[in-house]
Amino acid sequence: MTTARDRLLGLRREVELTLGRLGAEHAAVVAASRDSNADDEHDPEGATIAFERAQVDALARAASERLAEIDAALERVDSGRYGVCERCGAPIAAARLAVRPAAATCVACAAR
């Protein structure tokens, strides 16, 4: 039987792998722009390079936020507060936790 902790740790590993891949992509984009004479403002390829860099940065920020959510959920598991809404104190539905294992709020509070 998979516990909430096991599921969260698995998700954490996935996010860490994603962050590693995004870091490598970012490094590749930066290296490509450094090795070229692309001028973001005047070169047609420059806009593409800037967009790719911004996109990778945004994905990395989102993955970092997801990692923080997972770490917070792991802390709730350790303290016995996992599955309890942080706003109203009601239980978080199992279906919600199945879809969003790091959920900190019940559906009603999340909708507010």
PDB file of N, CA and C in Angstrom:
ATOM      1  N   MET A   1       0.845  -1.184   0.000  1.00  0.00           N
ATOM      2  CA  MET A   1       0.000   0.000   0.000  1.00  0.00           C
ATOM      3  C   MET A   1       0.892   1.250   0.000  1.00  0.00           C
ATOM      4  N   THR A   2       0.608   2.145  -0.908  1.00  0.00           N
ATOM      5  CA  THR A   2       1.375   3.380  -1.005  1.00  0.00           C
ATOM      6  C   THR A   2       0.827   4.394  -0.007  1.00  0.00           C
ATOM      7  N   THR A   3       1.701   4.926   0.799  1.00  0.00           N
ATOM      8  CA  THR A   3       1.285   5.939   1.769  1.00  0.00           C
ATOM      9  C   THR A   3       1.372   7.326   1.138  1.00  0.00           C
ATOM     10  N   ALA A   4       0.780   8.299   1.810  1.00  0.00           N
ATOM     11  CA  ALA A   4       0.854   9.684   1.340  1.00  0.00           C
ATOM     12  C   ALA A   4       2.317  10.123   1.257  1.00  0.00           C
ATOM     13  N   ARG A   5       3.107   9.734   2.233  1.00  0.00           N
ATOM     14  CA  ARG A   5       4.531  10.100   2.243  1.00  0.00           C
ATOM     15  C   ARG A   5       5.240   9.511   1.021  1.00  0.00           C
ATOM     16  N   ASP A   6       4.979   8.245   0.727  1.00  0.00           N
ATOM     17  CA  ASP A   6       5.607   7.610  -0.435  1.00  0.00           C
ATOM     18  C   ASP A   6       5.212   8.327  -1.726  1.00  0.00           C
ATOM     19  N   ARG A   7       3.945   8.632  -1.847  1.00  0.00           N
ATOM     20  CA  ARG A   7       3.468   9.319  -3.055  1.00  0.00           C
ATOM     21  C   ARG A   7       4.112  10.693  -3.190  1.00  0.00           C
ATOM     22  N   LEU A   8       4.175  11.426  -2.101  1.00  0.00           N
ATOM     23  CA  LEU A   8       4.788  12.761  -2.128  1.00  0.00           C
ATOM     24  C   LEU A   8       6.283  12.677  -2.442  1.00  0.00           C
ATOM     25  N   LEU A   9       6.955  11.692  -1.877  1.00  0.00           N
ATOM     26  CA  LEU A   9       8.391  11.529  -2.166  1.00  0.00           C
ATOM     27  C   LEU A   9       8.611  11.182  -3.641  1.00  0.00           C
ATOM     28  N   GLY A  10       7.727  10.374  -4.207  1.00  0.00           N
ATOM     29  CA  GLY A  10       7.813  10.067  -5.627  1.00  0.00           C
ATOM     30  C   GLY A  10       7.619  11.308  -6.481  1.00  0.00           C
ATOM     31  N   LEU A  11       6.629  12.114  -6.117  1.00  0.00           N
ATOM     32  CA  LEU A  11       6.397  13.373  -6.833  1.00  0.00           C
ATOM     33  C   LEU A  11       7.587  14.308  -6.688  1.00  0.00           C
ATOM     34  N   ARG A  12       8.162  14.321  -5.504  1.00  0.00           N
ATOM     35  CA  ARG A  12       9.329  15.188  -5.262  1.00  0.00           C
ATOM     36  C   ARG A  12      10.486  14.794  -6.181  1.00  0.00           C
ATOM     37  N   ARG A  13      10.713  13.494  -6.312  1.00  0.00           N
ATOM     38  CA  ARG A  13      11.780  13.014  -7.213  1.00  0.00           C
ATOM     39  C   ARG A  13      11.499  13.441  -8.655  1.00  0.00           C
ATOM     40  N   GLU A  14      10.244  13.326  -9.086  1.00  0.00           N
ATOM     41  CA  GLU A  14       9.872  13.733 -10.442  1.00  0.00           C
ATOM     42  C   GLU A  14      10.149  15.216 -10.667  1.00  0.00           C
ATOM     43  N   VAL A  15       9.772  16.042  -9.695  1.00  0.00           N
ATOM     44  CA  VAL A  15       9.979  17.485  -9.822  1.00  0.00           C
ATOM     45  C   VAL A  15      11.470  17.810  -9.816  1.00  0.00           C
ATOM     46  N   GLU A  16      12.242  17.119  -8.978  1.00  0.00           N
ATOM     47  CA  GLU A  16      13.690  17.343  -8.973  1.00  0.00           C
ATOM     48  C   GLU A  16      14.305  16.996 -10.332  1.00  0.00           C
ATOM     49  N   LEU A  17      13.842  15.903 -10.951  1.00  0.00           N
ATOM     50  CA  LEU A  17      14.321  15.539 -12.288  1.00  0.00           C
ATOM     51  C   LEU A  17      13.935  16.610 -13.310  1.00  0.00           C
ATOM     52  N   THR A  18      12.717  17.114 -13.195  1.00  0.00           N
ATOM     53  CA  THR A  18      12.270  18.181 -14.097  1.00  0.00           C
ATOM     54  C   THR A  18      13.133  19.423 -13.923  1.00  0.00           C
ATOM     55  N   LEU A  19      13.422  19.777 -12.684  1.00  0.00           N
ATOM     56  CA  LEU A  19      14.275  20.946 -12.431  1.00  0.00           C
ATOM     57  C   LEU A  19      15.675  20.744 -13.013  1.00  0.00           C
ATOM     58  N   GLY A  20      16.202  19.541 -12.889  1.00  0.00           N
ATOM     59  CA  GLY A  20      17.512  19.253 -13.472  1.00  0.00           C
ATOM     60  C   GLY A  20      17.492  19.388 -14.984  1.00  0.00           C
ATOM     61  N   ARG A  21      16.435  18.862 -15.602  1.00  0.00           N
ATOM     62  CA  ARG A  21      16.303  18.959 -17.062  1.00  0.00           C
ATOM     63  C   ARG A  21      16.151  20.410 -17.492  1.00  0.00           C
ATOM     64  N   LEU A  22      15.357  21.173 -16.750  1.00  0.00           N
ATOM     65  CA  LEU A  22      15.174  22.592 -17.080  1.00  0.00           C
ATOM     66  C   LEU A  22      16.470  23.376 -16.892  1.00  0.00           C
ATOM     67  N   GLY A  23      17.235  23.015 -15.871  1.00  0.00           N
ATOM     68  CA  GLY A  23      18.534  23.665 -15.677  1.00  0.00           C
ATOM     69  C   GLY A  23      19.456  23.418 -16.854  1.00  0.00           C
ATOM     70  N   ALA A  24      19.439  22.179 -17.351  1.00  0.00           N
ATOM     71  CA  ALA A  24      20.267  21.847 -18.517  1.00  0.00           C
ATOM     72  C   ALA A  24      19.774  22.583 -19.757  1.00  0.00           C
ATOM     73  N   GLU A  25      18.449  22.679 -19.919  1.00  0.00           N
ATOM     74  CA  GLU A  25      17.899  23.420 -21.063  1.00  0.00           C
ATOM     75  C   GLU A  25      18.278  24.892 -20.986  1.00  0.00           C
ATOM     76  N   HIS A  26      18.185  25.459 -19.791  1.00  0.00           N
ATOM     77  CA  HIS A  26      18.539  26.871 -19.612  1.00  0.00           C
ATOM     78  C   HIS A  26      20.000  27.094 -19.964  1.00  0.00           C
ATOM     79  N   ALA A  27      20.857  26.211 -19.485  1.00  0.00           N
ATOM     80  CA  ALA A  27      22.291  26.327 -19.784  1.00  0.00           C
ATOM     81  C   ALA A  27      22.533  26.232 -21.289  1.00  0.00           C
ATOM     82  N   ALA A  28      21.800  25.352 -21.963  1.00  0.00           N
ATOM     83  CA  ALA A  28      21.959  25.199 -23.414  1.00  0.00           C
ATOM     84  C   ALA A  28      21.513  26.454 -24.155  1.00  0.00           C
ATOM     85  N   VAL A  29      20.404  27.046 -23.716  1.00  0.00           N
ATOM     86  CA  VAL A  29      19.911  28.270 -24.358  1.00  0.00           C
ATOM     87  C   VAL A  29      20.900  29.408 -24.139  1.00  0.00           C
ATOM     88  N   VAL A  30      21.393  29.526 -22.925  1.00  0.00           N
ATOM     89  CA  VAL A  30      22.368  30.576 -22.625  1.00  0.00           C
ATOM     90  C   VAL A  30      23.639  30.369 -23.439  1.00  0.00           C
ATOM     91  N   ALA A  31      24.108  29.126 -23.516  1.00  0.00           N
ATOM     92  CA  ALA A  31      25.322  28.837 -24.293  1.00  0.00           C
ATOM     93  C   ALA A  31      25.100  29.141 -25.768  1.00  0.00           C
ATOM     94  N   ALA A  32      23.938  28.798 -26.290  1.00  0.00           N
ATOM     95  CA  ALA A  32      23.639  29.058 -27.698  1.00  0.00           C
ATOM     96  C   ALA A  32      23.624  30.555 -27.976  1.00  0.00           C
ATOM     97  N   SER A  33      23.073  31.327 -27.060  1.00  0.00           N
ATOM     98  CA  SER A  33      23.015  32.772 -27.288  1.00  0.00           C
ATOM     99  C   SER A  33      24.394  33.415 -27.106  1.00  0.00           C
ATOM    100  N   ARG A  34      25.209  32.834 -26.251  1.00  0.00           N
ATOM    101  CA  ARG A  34      26.547  33.364 -26.030  1.00  0.00           C
ATOM    102  C   ARG A  34      27.447  33.083 -27.235  1.00  0.00           C
ATOM    103  N   ASP A  35      27.249  31.913 -27.853  1.00  0.00           N
ATOM    104  CA  ASP A  35      28.076  31.514 -28.986  1.00  0.00           C
ATOM    105  C   ASP A  35      27.666  32.162 -30.302  1.00  0.00           C
ATOM    106  N   SER A  36      26.549  32.852 -30.287  1.00  0.00           N
ATOM    107  CA  SER A  36      26.107  33.493 -31.529  1.00  0.00           C
ATOM    108  C   SER A  36      26.249  35.007 -31.392  1.00  0.00           C
ATOM    109  N   ASN A  37      26.100  35.674 -32.478  1.00  0.00           N
ATOM    110  CA  ASN A  37      26.129  37.131 -32.467  1.00  0.00           C
ATOM    111  C   ASN A  37      24.716  37.688 -32.397  1.00  0.00           C
ATOM    112  N   ALA A  38      23.783  36.860 -31.954  1.00  0.00           N
ATOM    113  CA  ALA A  38      22.380  37.265 -31.906  1.00  0.00           C
ATOM    114  C   ALA A  38      22.197  38.475 -31.003  1.00  0.00           C
ATOM    115  N   ASP A  39      21.502  39.418 -31.513  1.00  0.00           N
ATOM    116  CA  ASP A  39      21.121  40.619 -30.785  1.00  0.00           C
ATOM    117  C   ASP A  39      19.607  40.533 -30.625  1.00  0.00           C
ATOM    118  N   ASP A  40      19.146  40.323 -29.402  1.00  0.00           N
ATOM    119  CA  ASP A  40      17.717  40.124 -29.170  1.00  0.00           C
ATOM    120  C   ASP A  40      16.852  41.186 -29.838  1.00  0.00           C
ATOM    121  N   GLU A  41      17.340  42.376 -29.898  1.00  0.00           N
ATOM    122  CA  GLU A  41      16.541  43.485 -30.417  1.00  0.00           C
ATOM    123  C   GLU A  41      16.518  43.527 -31.940  1.00  0.00           C
ATOM    124  N   HIS A  42      17.626  43.196 -32.595  1.00  0.00           N
ATOM    125  CA  HIS A  42      17.723  43.378 -34.034  1.00  0.00           C
ATOM    126  C   HIS A  42      17.781  42.095 -34.854  1.00  0.00           C
ATOM    127  N   ASP A  43      18.119  40.991 -34.239  1.00  0.00           N
ATOM    128  CA  ASP A  43      18.242  39.728 -34.966  1.00  0.00           C
ATOM    129  C   ASP A  43      16.936  38.946 -34.829  1.00  0.00           C
ATOM    130  N   PRO A  44      16.378  38.461 -35.934  1.00  0.00           N
ATOM    131  CA  PRO A  44      15.145  37.688 -35.849  1.00  0.00           C
ATOM    132  C   PRO A  44      15.269  36.464 -34.935  1.00  0.00           C
ATOM    133  N   GLU A  45      16.430  35.859 -34.867  1.00  0.00           N
ATOM    134  CA  GLU A  45      16.635  34.711 -33.978  1.00  0.00           C
ATOM    135  C   GLU A  45      16.747  35.135 -32.518  1.00  0.00           C
ATOM    136  N   GLY A  46      17.132  36.371 -32.286  1.00  0.00           N
ATOM    137  CA  GLY A  46      17.297  36.850 -30.916  1.00  0.00           C
ATOM    138  C   GLY A  46      16.009  36.795 -30.126  1.00  0.00           C
ATOM    139  N   ALA A  47      14.895  37.138 -30.759  1.00  0.00           N
ATOM    140  CA  ALA A  47      13.606  37.102 -30.076  1.00  0.00           C
ATOM    141  C   ALA A  47      13.252  35.670 -29.681  1.00  0.00           C
ATOM    142  N   THR A  48      13.574  34.725 -30.547  1.00  0.00           N
ATOM    143  CA  THR A  48      13.309  33.316 -30.255  1.00  0.00           C
ATOM    144  C   THR A  48      14.143  32.853 -29.070  1.00  0.00           C
ATOM    145  N   ILE A  49      15.406  33.230 -29.054  1.00  0.00           N
ATOM    146  CA  ILE A  49      16.287  32.844 -27.945  1.00  0.00           C
ATOM    147  C   ILE A  49      15.780  33.450 -26.636  1.00  0.00           C
ATOM    148  N   ALA A  50      15.386  34.719 -26.669  1.00  0.00           N
ATOM    149  CA  ALA A  50      14.874  35.371 -25.463  1.00  0.00           C
ATOM    150  C   ALA A  50      13.588  34.693 -24.991  1.00  0.00           C
ATOM    151  N   PHE A  51      12.716  34.337 -25.941  1.00  0.00           N
ATOM    152  CA  PHE A  51      11.471  33.657 -25.588  1.00  0.00           C
ATOM    153  C   PHE A  51      11.764  32.300 -24.958  1.00  0.00           C
ATOM    154  N   GLU A  52      12.665  31.539 -25.562  1.00  0.00           N
ATOM    155  CA  GLU A  52      13.012  30.222 -25.019  1.00  0.00           C
ATOM    156  C   GLU A  52      13.582  30.336 -23.613  1.00  0.00           C
ATOM    157  N   ARG A  53      14.434  31.313 -23.417  1.00  0.00           N
ATOM    158  CA  ARG A  53      15.034  31.517 -22.093  1.00  0.00           C
ATOM    159  C   ARG A  53      13.944  31.878 -21.080  1.00  0.00           C
ATOM    160  N   ALA A  54      13.034  32.774 -21.457  1.00  0.00           N
ATOM    161  CA  ALA A  54      11.955  33.178 -20.554  1.00  0.00           C
ATOM    162  C   ALA A  54      11.024  32.004 -20.253  1.00  0.00           C
ATOM    163  N   GLN A  55      10.759  31.189 -21.264  1.00  0.00           N
ATOM    164  CA  GLN A  55       9.885  30.039 -21.076  1.00  0.00           C
ATOM    165  C   GLN A  55      10.511  29.026 -20.119  1.00  0.00           C
ATOM    166  N   VAL A  56      11.780  28.732 -20.303  1.00  0.00           N
ATOM    167  CA  VAL A  56      12.464  27.786 -19.413  1.00  0.00           C
ATOM    168  C   VAL A  56      12.508  28.346 -17.996  1.00  0.00           C
ATOM    169  N   ASP A  57      12.765  29.654 -17.863  1.00  0.00           N
ATOM    170  CA  ASP A  57      12.781  30.271 -16.532  1.00  0.00           C
ATOM    171  C   ASP A  57      11.414  30.144 -15.856  1.00  0.00           C
ATOM    172  N   ALA A  58      10.346  30.389 -16.594  1.00  0.00           N
ATOM    173  CA  ALA A  58       8.995  30.299 -16.031  1.00  0.00           C
ATOM    174  C   ALA A  58       8.679  28.864 -15.603  1.00  0.00           C
ATOM    175  N   LEU A  59       9.045  27.902 -16.421  1.00  0.00           N
ATOM    176  CA  LEU A  59       8.820  26.497 -16.065  1.00  0.00           C
ATOM    177  C   LEU A  59       9.628  26.102 -14.833  1.00  0.00           C
ATOM    178  N   ALA A  60      10.844  26.599 -14.729  1.00  0.00           N
ATOM    179  CA  ALA A  60      11.681  26.298 -13.565  1.00  0.00           C
ATOM    180  C   ALA A  60      11.098  26.927 -12.299  1.00  0.00           C
ATOM    181  N   ARG A  61      10.584  28.150 -12.412  1.00  0.00           N
ATOM    182  CA  ARG A  61       9.943  28.783 -11.251  1.00  0.00           C
ATOM    183  C   ARG A  61       8.719  27.983 -10.804  1.00  0.00           C
ATOM    184  N   ALA A  62       7.910  27.550 -11.771  1.00  0.00           N
ATOM    185  CA  ALA A  62       6.724  26.754 -11.433  1.00  0.00           C
ATOM    186  C   ALA A  62       7.125  25.436 -10.774  1.00  0.00           C
ATOM    187  N   ALA A  63       8.165  24.789 -11.270  1.00  0.00           N
ATOM    188  CA  ALA A  63       8.634  23.535 -10.684  1.00  0.00           C
ATOM    189  C   ALA A  63       9.173  23.770  -9.275  1.00  0.00           C
ATOM    190  N   SER A  64       9.853  24.873  -9.067  1.00  0.00           N
ATOM    191  CA  SER A  64      10.368  25.202  -7.724  1.00  0.00           C
ATOM    192  C   SER A  64       9.218  25.433  -6.751  1.00  0.00           C
ATOM    193  N   GLU A  65       8.166  26.091  -7.219  1.00  0.00           N
ATOM    194  CA  GLU A  65       6.985  26.307  -6.372  1.00  0.00           C
ATOM    195  C   GLU A  65       6.321  24.973  -6.040  1.00  0.00           C
ATOM    196  N   ARG A  66       6.253  24.093  -7.018  1.00  0.00           N
ATOM    197  CA  ARG A  66       5.670  22.763  -6.810  1.00  0.00           C
ATOM    198  C   ARG A  66       6.492  21.989  -5.782  1.00  0.00           C
ATOM    199  N   LEU A  67       7.810  22.098  -5.869  1.00  0.00           N
ATOM    200  CA  LEU A  67       8.685  21.439  -4.904  1.00  0.00           C
ATOM    201  C   LEU A  67       8.423  21.959  -3.491  1.00  0.00           C
ATOM    202  N   ALA A  68       8.249  23.258  -3.367  1.00  0.00           N
ATOM    203  CA  ALA A  68       7.953  23.847  -2.057  1.00  0.00           C
ATOM    204  C   ALA A  68       6.603  23.349  -1.533  1.00  0.00           C
ATOM    205  N   GLU A  69       5.604  23.209  -2.412  1.00  0.00           N
ATOM    206  CA  GLU A  69       4.296  22.684  -2.001  1.00  0.00           C
ATOM    207  C   GLU A  69       4.426  21.247  -1.507  1.00  0.00           C
ATOM    208  N   ILE A  70       5.221  20.466  -2.209  1.00  0.00           N
ATOM    209  CA  ILE A  70       5.422  19.068  -1.823  1.00  0.00           C
ATOM    210  C   ILE A  70       6.149  18.991  -0.484  1.00  0.00           C
ATOM    211  N   ASP A  71       7.164  19.823  -0.299  1.00  0.00           N
ATOM    212  CA  ASP A  71       7.886  19.839   0.983  1.00  0.00           C
ATOM    213  C   ASP A  71       6.961  20.241   2.126  1.00  0.00           C
ATOM    214  N   ALA A  72       6.083  21.206   1.881  1.00  0.00           N
ATOM    215  CA  ALA A  72       5.123  21.618   2.910  1.00  0.00           C
ATOM    216  C   ALA A  72       4.161  20.471   3.225  1.00  0.00           C
ATOM    217  N   ALA A  73       3.742  19.736   2.198  1.00  0.00           N
ATOM    218  CA  ALA A  73       2.855  18.586   2.415  1.00  0.00           C
ATOM    219  C   ALA A  73       3.571  17.500   3.218  1.00  0.00           C
ATOM    220  N   LEU A  74       4.840  17.279   2.931  1.00  0.00           N
ATOM    221  CA  LEU A  74       5.611  16.300   3.705  1.00  0.00           C
ATOM    222  C   LEU A  74       5.710  16.728   5.174  1.00  0.00           C
ATOM    223  N   GLU A  75       5.859  18.012   5.421  1.00  0.00           N
ATOM    224  CA  GLU A  75       5.874  18.513   6.805  1.00  0.00           C
ATOM    225  C   GLU A  75       4.525  18.257   7.479  1.00  0.00           C
ATOM    226  N   ARG A  76       3.422  18.427   6.705  1.00  0.00           N
ATOM    227  CA  ARG A  76       2.092  18.155   7.272  1.00  0.00           C
ATOM    228  C   ARG A  76       1.940  16.661   7.588  1.00  0.00           C
ATOM    229  N   VAL A  77       2.503  15.806   6.734  1.00  0.00           N
ATOM    230  CA  VAL A  77       2.469  14.361   7.009  1.00  0.00           C
ATOM    231  C   VAL A  77       3.189  14.087   8.323  1.00  0.00           C
ATOM    232  N   ASP A  78       4.386  14.648   8.475  1.00  0.00           N
ATOM    233  CA  ASP A  78       5.190  14.417   9.680  1.00  0.00           C
ATOM    234  C   ASP A  78       4.519  14.931  10.939  1.00  0.00           C
ATOM    235  N   SER A  79       3.781  16.029  10.820  1.00  0.00           N
ATOM    236  CA  SER A  79       3.144  16.618  12.007  1.00  0.00           C
ATOM    237  C   SER A  79       1.733  16.092  12.255  1.00  0.00           C
ATOM    238  N   GLY A  80       1.255  15.225  11.351  1.00  0.00           N
ATOM    239  CA  GLY A  80      -0.090  14.678  11.523  1.00  0.00           C
ATOM    240  C   GLY A  80      -1.194  15.589  11.023  1.00  0.00           C
ATOM    241  N   ARG A  81      -0.846  16.643  10.295  1.00  0.00           N
ATOM    242  CA  ARG A  81      -1.853  17.584   9.785  1.00  0.00           C
ATOM    243  C   ARG A  81      -2.198  17.336   8.317  1.00  0.00           C
ATOM    244  N   TYR A  82      -1.613  16.308   7.708  1.00  0.00           N
ATOM    245  CA  TYR A  82      -1.875  16.034   6.298  1.00  0.00           C
ATOM    246  C   TYR A  82      -3.337  15.626   6.120  1.00  0.00           C
ATOM    247  N   GLY A  83      -3.965  16.188   5.096  1.00  0.00           N
ATOM    248  CA  GLY A  83      -5.359  15.859   4.814  1.00  0.00           C
ATOM    249  C   GLY A  83      -6.343  16.713   5.580  1.00  0.00           C
ATOM    250  N   VAL A  84      -5.842  17.720   6.286  1.00  0.00           N
ATOM    251  CA  VAL A  84      -6.691  18.647   7.034  1.00  0.00           C
ATOM    252  C   VAL A  84      -6.518  20.036   6.430  1.00  0.00           C
ATOM    253  N   CYS A  85      -7.619  20.690   6.094  1.00  0.00           N
ATOM    254  CA  CYS A  85      -7.579  22.007   5.465  1.00  0.00           C
ATOM    255  C   CYS A  85      -6.905  23.021   6.384  1.00  0.00           C
ATOM    256  N   GLU A  86      -5.953  23.749   5.823  1.00  0.00           N
ATOM    257  CA  GLU A  86      -5.236  24.755   6.609  1.00  0.00           C
ATOM    258  C   GLU A  86      -6.088  25.982   6.908  1.00  0.00           C
ATOM    259  N   ARG A  87      -7.164  26.192   6.170  1.00  0.00           N
ATOM    260  CA  ARG A  87      -8.020  27.365   6.396  1.00  0.00           C
ATOM    261  C   ARG A  87      -9.136  27.082   7.386  1.00  0.00           C
ATOM    262  N   CYS A  88      -9.909  26.014   7.127  1.00  0.00           N
ATOM    263  CA  CYS A  88     -11.108  25.791   7.944  1.00  0.00           C
ATOM    264  C   CYS A  88     -10.980  24.606   8.898  1.00  0.00           C
ATOM    265  N   GLY A  89      -9.949  23.772   8.728  1.00  0.00           N
ATOM    266  CA  GLY A  89      -9.747  22.627   9.608  1.00  0.00           C
ATOM    267  C   GLY A  89     -10.549  21.394   9.247  1.00  0.00           C
ATOM    268  N   ALA A  90     -11.330  21.462   8.182  1.00  0.00           N
ATOM    269  CA  ALA A  90     -12.120  20.302   7.738  1.00  0.00           C
ATOM    270  C   ALA A  90     -11.214  19.305   7.018  1.00  0.00           C
ATOM    271  N   PRO A  91     -11.627  18.064   6.971  1.00  0.00           N
ATOM    272  CA  PRO A  91     -10.836  17.078   6.218  1.00  0.00           C
ATOM    273  C   PRO A  91     -10.833  17.423   4.721  1.00  0.00           C
ATOM    274  N   ILE A  92      -9.710  17.177   4.079  1.00  0.00           N
ATOM    275  CA  ILE A  92      -9.611  17.345   2.628  1.00  0.00           C
ATOM    276  C   ILE A  92     -10.043  16.012   2.018  1.00  0.00           C
ATOM    277  N   ALA A  93     -10.953  16.077   1.069  1.00  0.00           N
ATOM    278  CA  ALA A  93     -11.500  14.861   0.467  1.00  0.00           C
ATOM    279  C   ALA A  93     -10.395  14.007  -0.150  1.00  0.00           C
ATOM    280  N   ALA A  94     -10.548  12.700  -0.003  1.00  0.00           N
ATOM    281  CA  ALA A  94      -9.563  11.768  -0.559  1.00  0.00           C
ATOM    282  C   ALA A  94      -9.421  11.950  -2.063  1.00  0.00           C
ATOM    283  N   ALA A  95     -10.524  12.248  -2.748  1.00  0.00           N
ATOM    284  CA  ALA A  95     -10.467  12.457  -4.198  1.00  0.00           C
ATOM    285  C   ALA A  95      -9.592  13.661  -4.539  1.00  0.00           C
ATOM    286  N   ARG A  96      -9.679  14.714  -3.733  1.00  0.00           N
ATOM    287  CA  ARG A  96      -8.833  15.895  -3.969  1.00  0.00           C
ATOM    288  C   ARG A  96      -7.364  15.543  -3.749  1.00  0.00           C
ATOM    289  N   LEU A  97      -7.078  14.807  -2.694  1.00  0.00           N
ATOM    290  CA  LEU A  97      -5.698  14.422  -2.411  1.00  0.00           C
ATOM    291  C   LEU A  97      -5.169  13.452  -3.460  1.00  0.00           C
ATOM    292  N   ALA A  98      -6.058  12.665  -4.069  1.00  0.00           N
ATOM    293  CA  ALA A  98      -5.630  11.757  -5.132  1.00  0.00           C
ATOM    294  C   ALA A  98      -5.177  12.547  -6.351  1.00  0.00           C
ATOM    295  N   VAL A  99      -5.859  13.663  -6.610  1.00  0.00           N
ATOM    296  CA  VAL A  99      -5.528  14.496  -7.769  1.00  0.00           C
ATOM    297  C   VAL A  99      -4.408  15.478  -7.443  1.00  0.00           C
ATOM    298  N   ARG A 100      -4.452  16.050  -6.245  1.00  0.00           N
ATOM    299  CA  ARG A 100      -3.459  17.035  -5.799  1.00  0.00           C
ATOM    300  C   ARG A 100      -2.922  16.598  -4.439  1.00  0.00           C
ATOM    301  N   PRO A 101      -1.953  15.693  -4.427  1.00  0.00           N
ATOM    302  CA  PRO A 101      -1.454  15.162  -3.154  1.00  0.00           C
ATOM    303  C   PRO A 101      -0.871  16.225  -2.222  1.00  0.00           C
ATOM    304  N   ALA A 102      -0.451  17.350  -2.756  1.00  0.00           N
ATOM    305  CA  ALA A 102       0.124  18.398  -1.917  1.00  0.00           C
ATOM    306  C   ALA A 102      -0.916  19.443  -1.507  1.00  0.00           C
ATOM    307  N   ALA A 103      -2.196  19.183  -1.786  1.00  0.00           N
ATOM    308  CA  ALA A 103      -3.254  20.152  -1.457  1.00  0.00           C
ATOM    309  C   ALA A 103      -3.227  20.492   0.025  1.00  0.00           C
ATOM    310  N   ALA A 104      -3.330  21.789   0.301  1.00  0.00           N
ATOM    311  CA  ALA A 104      -3.327  22.256   1.687  1.00  0.00           C
ATOM    312  C   ALA A 104      -4.704  22.726   2.127  1.00  0.00           C
ATOM    313  N   THR A 105      -5.623  22.811   1.164  1.00  0.00           N
ATOM    314  CA  THR A 105      -6.968  23.287   1.477  1.00  0.00           C
ATOM    315  C   THR A 105      -8.019  22.353   0.885  1.00  0.00           C
ATOM    316  N   CYS A 106      -9.210  22.377   1.477  1.00  0.00           N
ATOM    317  CA  CYS A 106     -10.329  21.606   0.938  1.00  0.00           C
ATOM    318  C   CYS A 106     -10.834  22.312  -0.326  1.00  0.00           C
ATOM    319  N   VAL A 107     -11.716  21.664  -1.039  1.00  0.00           N
ATOM    320  CA  VAL A 107     -12.245  22.224  -2.293  1.00  0.00           C
ATOM    321  C   VAL A 107     -12.962  23.541  -2.033  1.00  0.00           C
ATOM    322  N   ALA A 108     -13.758  23.600  -0.978  1.00  0.00           N
ATOM    323  CA  ALA A 108     -14.525  24.820  -0.688  1.00  0.00           C
ATOM    324  C   ALA A 108     -13.593  26.007  -0.424  1.00  0.00           C
ATOM    325  N   CYS A 109     -12.564  25.802   0.355  1.00  0.00           N
ATOM    326  CA  CYS A 109     -11.630  26.887   0.657  1.00  0.00           C
ATOM    327  C   CYS A 109     -10.778  27.245  -0.565  1.00  0.00           C
ATOM    328  N   ALA A 110     -10.437  26.258  -1.364  1.00  0.00           N
ATOM    329  CA  ALA A 110      -9.645  26.528  -2.571  1.00  0.00           C
ATOM    330  C   ALA A 110     -10.437  27.345  -3.574  1.00  0.00           C
ATOM    331  N   ALA A 111     -11.762  27.197  -3.558  1.00  0.00           N
ATOM    332  CA  ALA A 111     -12.626  27.926  -4.489  1.00  0.00           C
ATOM    333  C   ALA A 111     -12.790  29.396  -4.105  1.00  0.00           C
ATOM    334  N   ARG A 112     -12.508  29.721  -2.872  1.00  0.00           N
ATOM    335  CA  ARG A 112     -12.678  31.117  -2.412  1.00  0.00           C
ATOM    336  C   ARG A 112     -11.642  32.028  -2.985  1.00  0.00           C
TER     337      ARG A 112
END
